[in-house]
Amino acid sequence: MLIGALITFVVVILVLYLINLLPLDGRAKQIARVVVIIIGIISLLKYIAVI
């Protein structure tokens, strides 16, 4: 359980870093960041069995 949550956290950080490297305008980057963070939070909540 803890390893799965840690892997999810690392993947979210990596995706956020890669989004930062994309040549997009600020608004598109902001939307992409919010979507990734929401998906990451939902995944972490599944690992700790809240949902």
PDB file of N, CA and C in Angstrom:
ATOM      1  N   MET A   1       0.828  -1.194   0.000  1.00  0.00           N
ATOM      2  CA  MET A   1       0.000   0.000   0.000  1.00  0.00           C
ATOM      3  C   MET A   1       0.869   1.253   0.000  1.00  0.00           C
ATOM      4  N   LEU A   2       1.851   1.283   0.891  1.00  0.00           N
ATOM      5  CA  LEU A   2       2.710   2.463   0.985  1.00  0.00           C
ATOM      6  C   LEU A   2       3.558   2.631  -0.271  1.00  0.00           C
ATOM      7  N   ILE A   3       4.030   1.529  -0.832  1.00  0.00           N
ATOM      8  CA  ILE A   3       4.849   1.606  -2.040  1.00  0.00           C
ATOM      9  C   ILE A   3       4.015   2.122  -3.210  1.00  0.00           C
ATOM     10  N   GLY A   4       2.776   1.661  -3.329  1.00  0.00           N
ATOM     11  CA  GLY A   4       1.896   2.131  -4.391  1.00  0.00           C
ATOM     12  C   GLY A   4       1.627   3.620  -4.276  1.00  0.00           C
ATOM     13  N   ALA A   5       1.394   4.100  -3.063  1.00  0.00           N
ATOM     14  CA  ALA A   5       1.160   5.523  -2.848  1.00  0.00           C
ATOM     15  C   ALA A   5       2.410   6.336  -3.174  1.00  0.00           C
ATOM     16  N   LEU A   6       3.563   5.810  -2.816  1.00  0.00           N
ATOM     17  CA  LEU A   6       4.819   6.503  -3.103  1.00  0.00           C
ATOM     18  C   LEU A   6       5.073   6.568  -4.611  1.00  0.00           C
ATOM     19  N   ILE A   7       4.807   5.470  -5.316  1.00  0.00           N
ATOM     20  CA  ILE A   7       4.971   5.456  -6.769  1.00  0.00           C
ATOM     21  C   ILE A   7       4.019   6.458  -7.413  1.00  0.00           C
ATOM     22  N   THR A   8       2.776   6.515  -6.942  1.00  0.00           N
ATOM     23  CA  THR A   8       1.814   7.480  -7.471  1.00  0.00           C
ATOM     24  C   THR A   8       2.310   8.906  -7.259  1.00  0.00           C
ATOM     25  N   PHE A   9       2.832   9.196  -6.083  1.00  0.00           N
ATOM     26  CA  PHE A   9       3.346  10.527  -5.785  1.00  0.00           C
ATOM     27  C   PHE A   9       4.502  10.887  -6.716  1.00  0.00           C
ATOM     28  N   VAL A  10       5.415   9.953  -6.943  1.00  0.00           N
ATOM     29  CA  VAL A  10       6.565  10.198  -7.812  1.00  0.00           C
ATOM     30  C   VAL A  10       6.104  10.424  -9.256  1.00  0.00           C
ATOM     31  N   VAL A  11       5.117   9.644  -9.706  1.00  0.00           N
ATOM     32  CA  VAL A  11       4.616   9.807 -11.075  1.00  0.00           C
ATOM     33  C   VAL A  11       3.955  11.175 -11.241  1.00  0.00           C
ATOM     34  N   VAL A  12       3.190  11.611 -10.244  1.00  0.00           N
ATOM     35  CA  VAL A  12       2.552  12.930 -10.326  1.00  0.00           C
ATOM     36  C   VAL A  12       3.604  14.025 -10.396  1.00  0.00           C
ATOM     37  N   ILE A  13       4.637  13.936  -9.598  1.00  0.00           N
ATOM     38  CA  ILE A  13       5.721  14.934  -9.627  1.00  0.00           C
ATOM     39  C   ILE A  13       6.409  14.932 -10.989  1.00  0.00           C
ATOM     40  N   LEU A  14       6.666  13.743 -11.540  1.00  0.00           N
ATOM     41  CA  LEU A  14       7.314  13.640 -12.840  1.00  0.00           C
ATOM     42  C   LEU A  14       6.446  14.233 -13.946  1.00  0.00           C
ATOM     43  N   VAL A  15       5.162  13.957 -13.929  1.00  0.00           N
ATOM     44  CA  VAL A  15       4.261  14.499 -14.945  1.00  0.00           C
ATOM     45  C   VAL A  15       4.169  16.019 -14.825  1.00  0.00           C
ATOM     46  N   LEU A  16       4.121  16.538 -13.618  1.00  0.00           N
ATOM     47  CA  LEU A  16       4.102  17.988 -13.437  1.00  0.00           C
ATOM     48  C   LEU A  16       5.379  18.628 -13.981  1.00  0.00           C
ATOM     49  N   TYR A  17       6.507  17.973 -13.782  1.00  0.00           N
ATOM     50  CA  TYR A  17       7.775  18.479 -14.318  1.00  0.00           C
ATOM     51  C   TYR A  17       7.752  18.478 -15.848  1.00  0.00           C
ATOM     52  N   LEU A  18       7.231  17.389 -16.430  1.00  0.00           N
ATOM     53  CA  LEU A  18       7.176  17.308 -17.889  1.00  0.00           C
ATOM     54  C   LEU A  18       6.208  18.323 -18.475  1.00  0.00           C
ATOM     55  N   ILE A  19       5.108  18.590 -17.789  1.00  0.00           N
ATOM     56  CA  ILE A  19       4.178  19.622 -18.246  1.00  0.00           C
ATOM     57  C   ILE A  19       4.869  20.979 -18.253  1.00  0.00           C
ATOM     58  N   ASN A  20       5.713  21.207 -17.267  1.00  0.00           N
ATOM     59  CA  ASN A  20       6.436  22.483 -17.188  1.00  0.00           C
ATOM     60  C   ASN A  20       7.376  22.670 -18.378  1.00  0.00           C
ATOM     61  N   LEU A  21       7.861  21.562 -18.961  1.00  0.00           N
ATOM     62  CA  LEU A  21       8.776  21.645 -20.088  1.00  0.00           C
ATOM     63  C   LEU A  21       8.064  21.856 -21.423  1.00  0.00           C
ATOM     64  N   LEU A  22       6.759  21.603 -21.472  1.00  0.00           N
ATOM     65  CA  LEU A  22       6.017  21.734 -22.728  1.00  0.00           C
ATOM     66  C   LEU A  22       5.913  23.192 -23.158  1.00  0.00           C
ATOM     67  N   PRO A  23       5.986  23.419 -24.458  1.00  0.00           N
ATOM     68  CA  PRO A  23       5.870  24.808 -24.958  1.00  0.00           C
ATOM     69  C   PRO A  23       4.408  25.240 -25.093  1.00  0.00           C
ATOM     70  N   LEU A  24       3.718  25.335 -23.979  1.00  0.00           N
ATOM     71  CA  LEU A  24       2.322  25.754 -23.967  1.00  0.00           C
ATOM     72  C   LEU A  24       2.216  27.132 -23.330  1.00  0.00           C
ATOM     73  N   ASP A  25       1.085  27.786 -23.547  1.00  0.00           N
ATOM     74  CA  ASP A  25       0.877  29.064 -22.871  1.00  0.00           C
ATOM     75  C   ASP A  25       0.533  28.810 -21.398  1.00  0.00           C
ATOM     76  N   GLY A  26       0.549  29.854 -20.624  1.00  0.00           N
ATOM     77  CA  GLY A  26       0.364  29.726 -19.175  1.00  0.00           C
ATOM     78  C   GLY A  26      -0.967  29.128 -18.778  1.00  0.00           C
ATOM     79  N   ARG A  27      -2.027  29.490 -19.487  1.00  0.00           N
ATOM     80  CA  ARG A  27      -3.369  29.000 -19.138  1.00  0.00           C
ATOM     81  C   ARG A  27      -3.470  27.488 -19.357  1.00  0.00           C
ATOM     82  N   ALA A  28      -2.915  26.989 -20.461  1.00  0.00           N
ATOM     83  CA  ALA A  28      -2.969  25.551 -20.751  1.00  0.00           C
ATOM     84  C   ALA A  28      -2.144  24.764 -19.729  1.00  0.00           C
ATOM     85  N   LYS A  29      -0.997  25.300 -19.352  1.00  0.00           N
ATOM     86  CA  LYS A  29      -0.174  24.641 -18.336  1.00  0.00           C
ATOM     87  C   LYS A  29      -0.905  24.588 -17.003  1.00  0.00           C
ATOM     88  N   GLN A  30      -1.580  25.670 -16.647  1.00  0.00           N
ATOM     89  CA  GLN A  30      -2.309  25.717 -15.389  1.00  0.00           C
ATOM     90  C   GLN A  30      -3.417  24.671 -15.367  1.00  0.00           C
ATOM     91  N   ILE A  31      -4.169  24.563 -16.461  1.00  0.00           N
ATOM     92  CA  ILE A  31      -5.247  23.571 -16.544  1.00  0.00           C
ATOM     93  C   ILE A  31      -4.675  22.162 -16.454  1.00  0.00           C
ATOM     94  N   ALA A  32      -3.570  21.906 -17.165  1.00  0.00           N
ATOM     95  CA  ALA A  32      -2.950  20.582 -17.136  1.00  0.00           C
ATOM     96  C   ALA A  32      -2.455  20.239 -15.735  1.00  0.00           C
ATOM     97  N   ARG A  33      -1.865  21.208 -15.051  1.00  0.00           N
ATOM     98  CA  ARG A  33      -1.395  20.971 -13.676  1.00  0.00           C
ATOM     99  C   ARG A  33      -2.545  20.621 -12.743  1.00  0.00           C
ATOM    100  N   VAL A  34      -3.644  21.355 -12.843  1.00  0.00           N
ATOM    101  CA  VAL A  34      -4.801  21.103 -11.979  1.00  0.00           C
ATOM    102  C   VAL A  34      -5.363  19.710 -12.239  1.00  0.00           C
ATOM    103  N   VAL A  35      -5.462  19.329 -13.511  1.00  0.00           N
ATOM    104  CA  VAL A  35      -5.988  18.005 -13.845  1.00  0.00           C
ATOM    105  C   VAL A  35      -5.085  16.906 -13.285  1.00  0.00           C
ATOM    106  N   VAL A  36      -3.775  17.052 -13.439  1.00  0.00           N
ATOM    107  CA  VAL A  36      -2.841  16.044 -12.939  1.00  0.00           C
ATOM    108  C   VAL A  36      -2.897  15.961 -11.420  1.00  0.00           C
ATOM    109  N   ILE A  37      -2.985  17.088 -10.746  1.00  0.00           N
ATOM    110  CA  ILE A  37      -3.043  17.081  -9.283  1.00  0.00           C
ATOM    111  C   ILE A  37      -4.331  16.423  -8.795  1.00  0.00           C
ATOM    112  N   ILE A  38      -5.454  16.711  -9.446  1.00  0.00           N
ATOM    113  CA  ILE A  38      -6.722  16.089  -9.043  1.00  0.00           C
ATOM    114  C   ILE A  38      -6.669  14.581  -9.244  1.00  0.00           C
ATOM    115  N   ILE A  39      -6.161  14.139 -10.389  1.00  0.00           N
ATOM    116  CA  ILE A  39      -6.039  12.699 -10.638  1.00  0.00           C
ATOM    117  C   ILE A  39      -5.098  12.061  -9.618  1.00  0.00           C
ATOM    118  N   GLY A  40      -4.009  12.734  -9.294  1.00  0.00           N
ATOM    119  CA  GLY A  40      -3.066  12.208  -8.305  1.00  0.00           C
ATOM    120  C   GLY A  40      -3.684  12.090  -6.926  1.00  0.00           C
ATOM    121  N   ILE A  41      -4.467  13.086  -6.517  1.00  0.00           N
ATOM    122  CA  ILE A  41      -5.113  13.040  -5.202  1.00  0.00           C
ATOM    123  C   ILE A  41      -6.124  11.896  -5.152  1.00  0.00           C
ATOM    124  N   ILE A  42      -6.891  11.723  -6.222  1.00  0.00           N
ATOM    125  CA  ILE A  42      -7.858  10.628  -6.255  1.00  0.00           C
ATOM    126  C   ILE A  42      -7.139   9.280  -6.190  1.00  0.00           C
ATOM    127  N   SER A  43      -6.031   9.140  -6.903  1.00  0.00           N
ATOM    128  CA  SER A  43      -5.265   7.885  -6.859  1.00  0.00           C
ATOM    129  C   SER A  43      -4.719   7.632  -5.462  1.00  0.00           C
ATOM    130  N   LEU A  44      -4.185   8.665  -4.823  1.00  0.00           N
ATOM    131  CA  LEU A  44      -3.650   8.477  -3.471  1.00  0.00           C
ATOM    132  C   LEU A  44      -4.757   8.112  -2.480  1.00  0.00           C
ATOM    133  N   LEU A  45      -5.931   8.702  -2.635  1.00  0.00           N
ATOM    134  CA  LEU A  45      -7.032   8.358  -1.754  1.00  0.00           C
ATOM    135  C   LEU A  45      -7.478   6.908  -1.952  1.00  0.00           C
ATOM    136  N   LYS A  46      -7.374   6.406  -3.172  1.00  0.00           N
ATOM    137  CA  LYS A  46      -7.696   4.997  -3.411  1.00  0.00           C
ATOM    138  C   LYS A  46      -6.682   4.090  -2.718  1.00  0.00           C
ATOM    139  N   TYR A  47      -5.399   4.485  -2.740  1.00  0.00           N
ATOM    140  CA  TYR A  47      -4.391   3.654  -2.096  1.00  0.00           C
ATOM    141  C   TYR A  47      -4.557   3.602  -0.587  1.00  0.00           C
ATOM    142  N   ILE A  48      -4.988   4.687   0.023  1.00  0.00           N
ATOM    143  CA  ILE A  48      -5.179   4.654   1.470  1.00  0.00           C
ATOM    144  C   ILE A  48      -6.584   4.264   1.842  1.00  0.00           C
ATOM    145  N   ALA A  49      -7.352   3.775   0.854  1.00  0.00           N
ATOM    146  CA  ALA A  49      -8.672   3.160   1.032  1.00  0.00           C
ATOM    147  C   ALA A  49      -9.712   4.115   1.618  1.00  0.00           C
ATOM    148  N   VAL A  50      -9.645   5.372   1.222  1.00  0.00           N
ATOM    149  CA  VAL A  50     -10.685   6.314   1.622  1.00  0.00           C
ATOM    150  C   VAL A  50     -11.855   6.206   0.668  1.00  0.00           C
ATOM    151  N   ILE A  51     -11.540   6.039  -0.605  1.00  0.00           N
ATOM    152  CA  ILE A  51     -12.594   5.924  -1.621  1.00  0.00           C
ATOM    153  C   ILE A  51     -12.799   4.459  -1.954  1.00  0.00           C
TER     154      ILE A  51
END
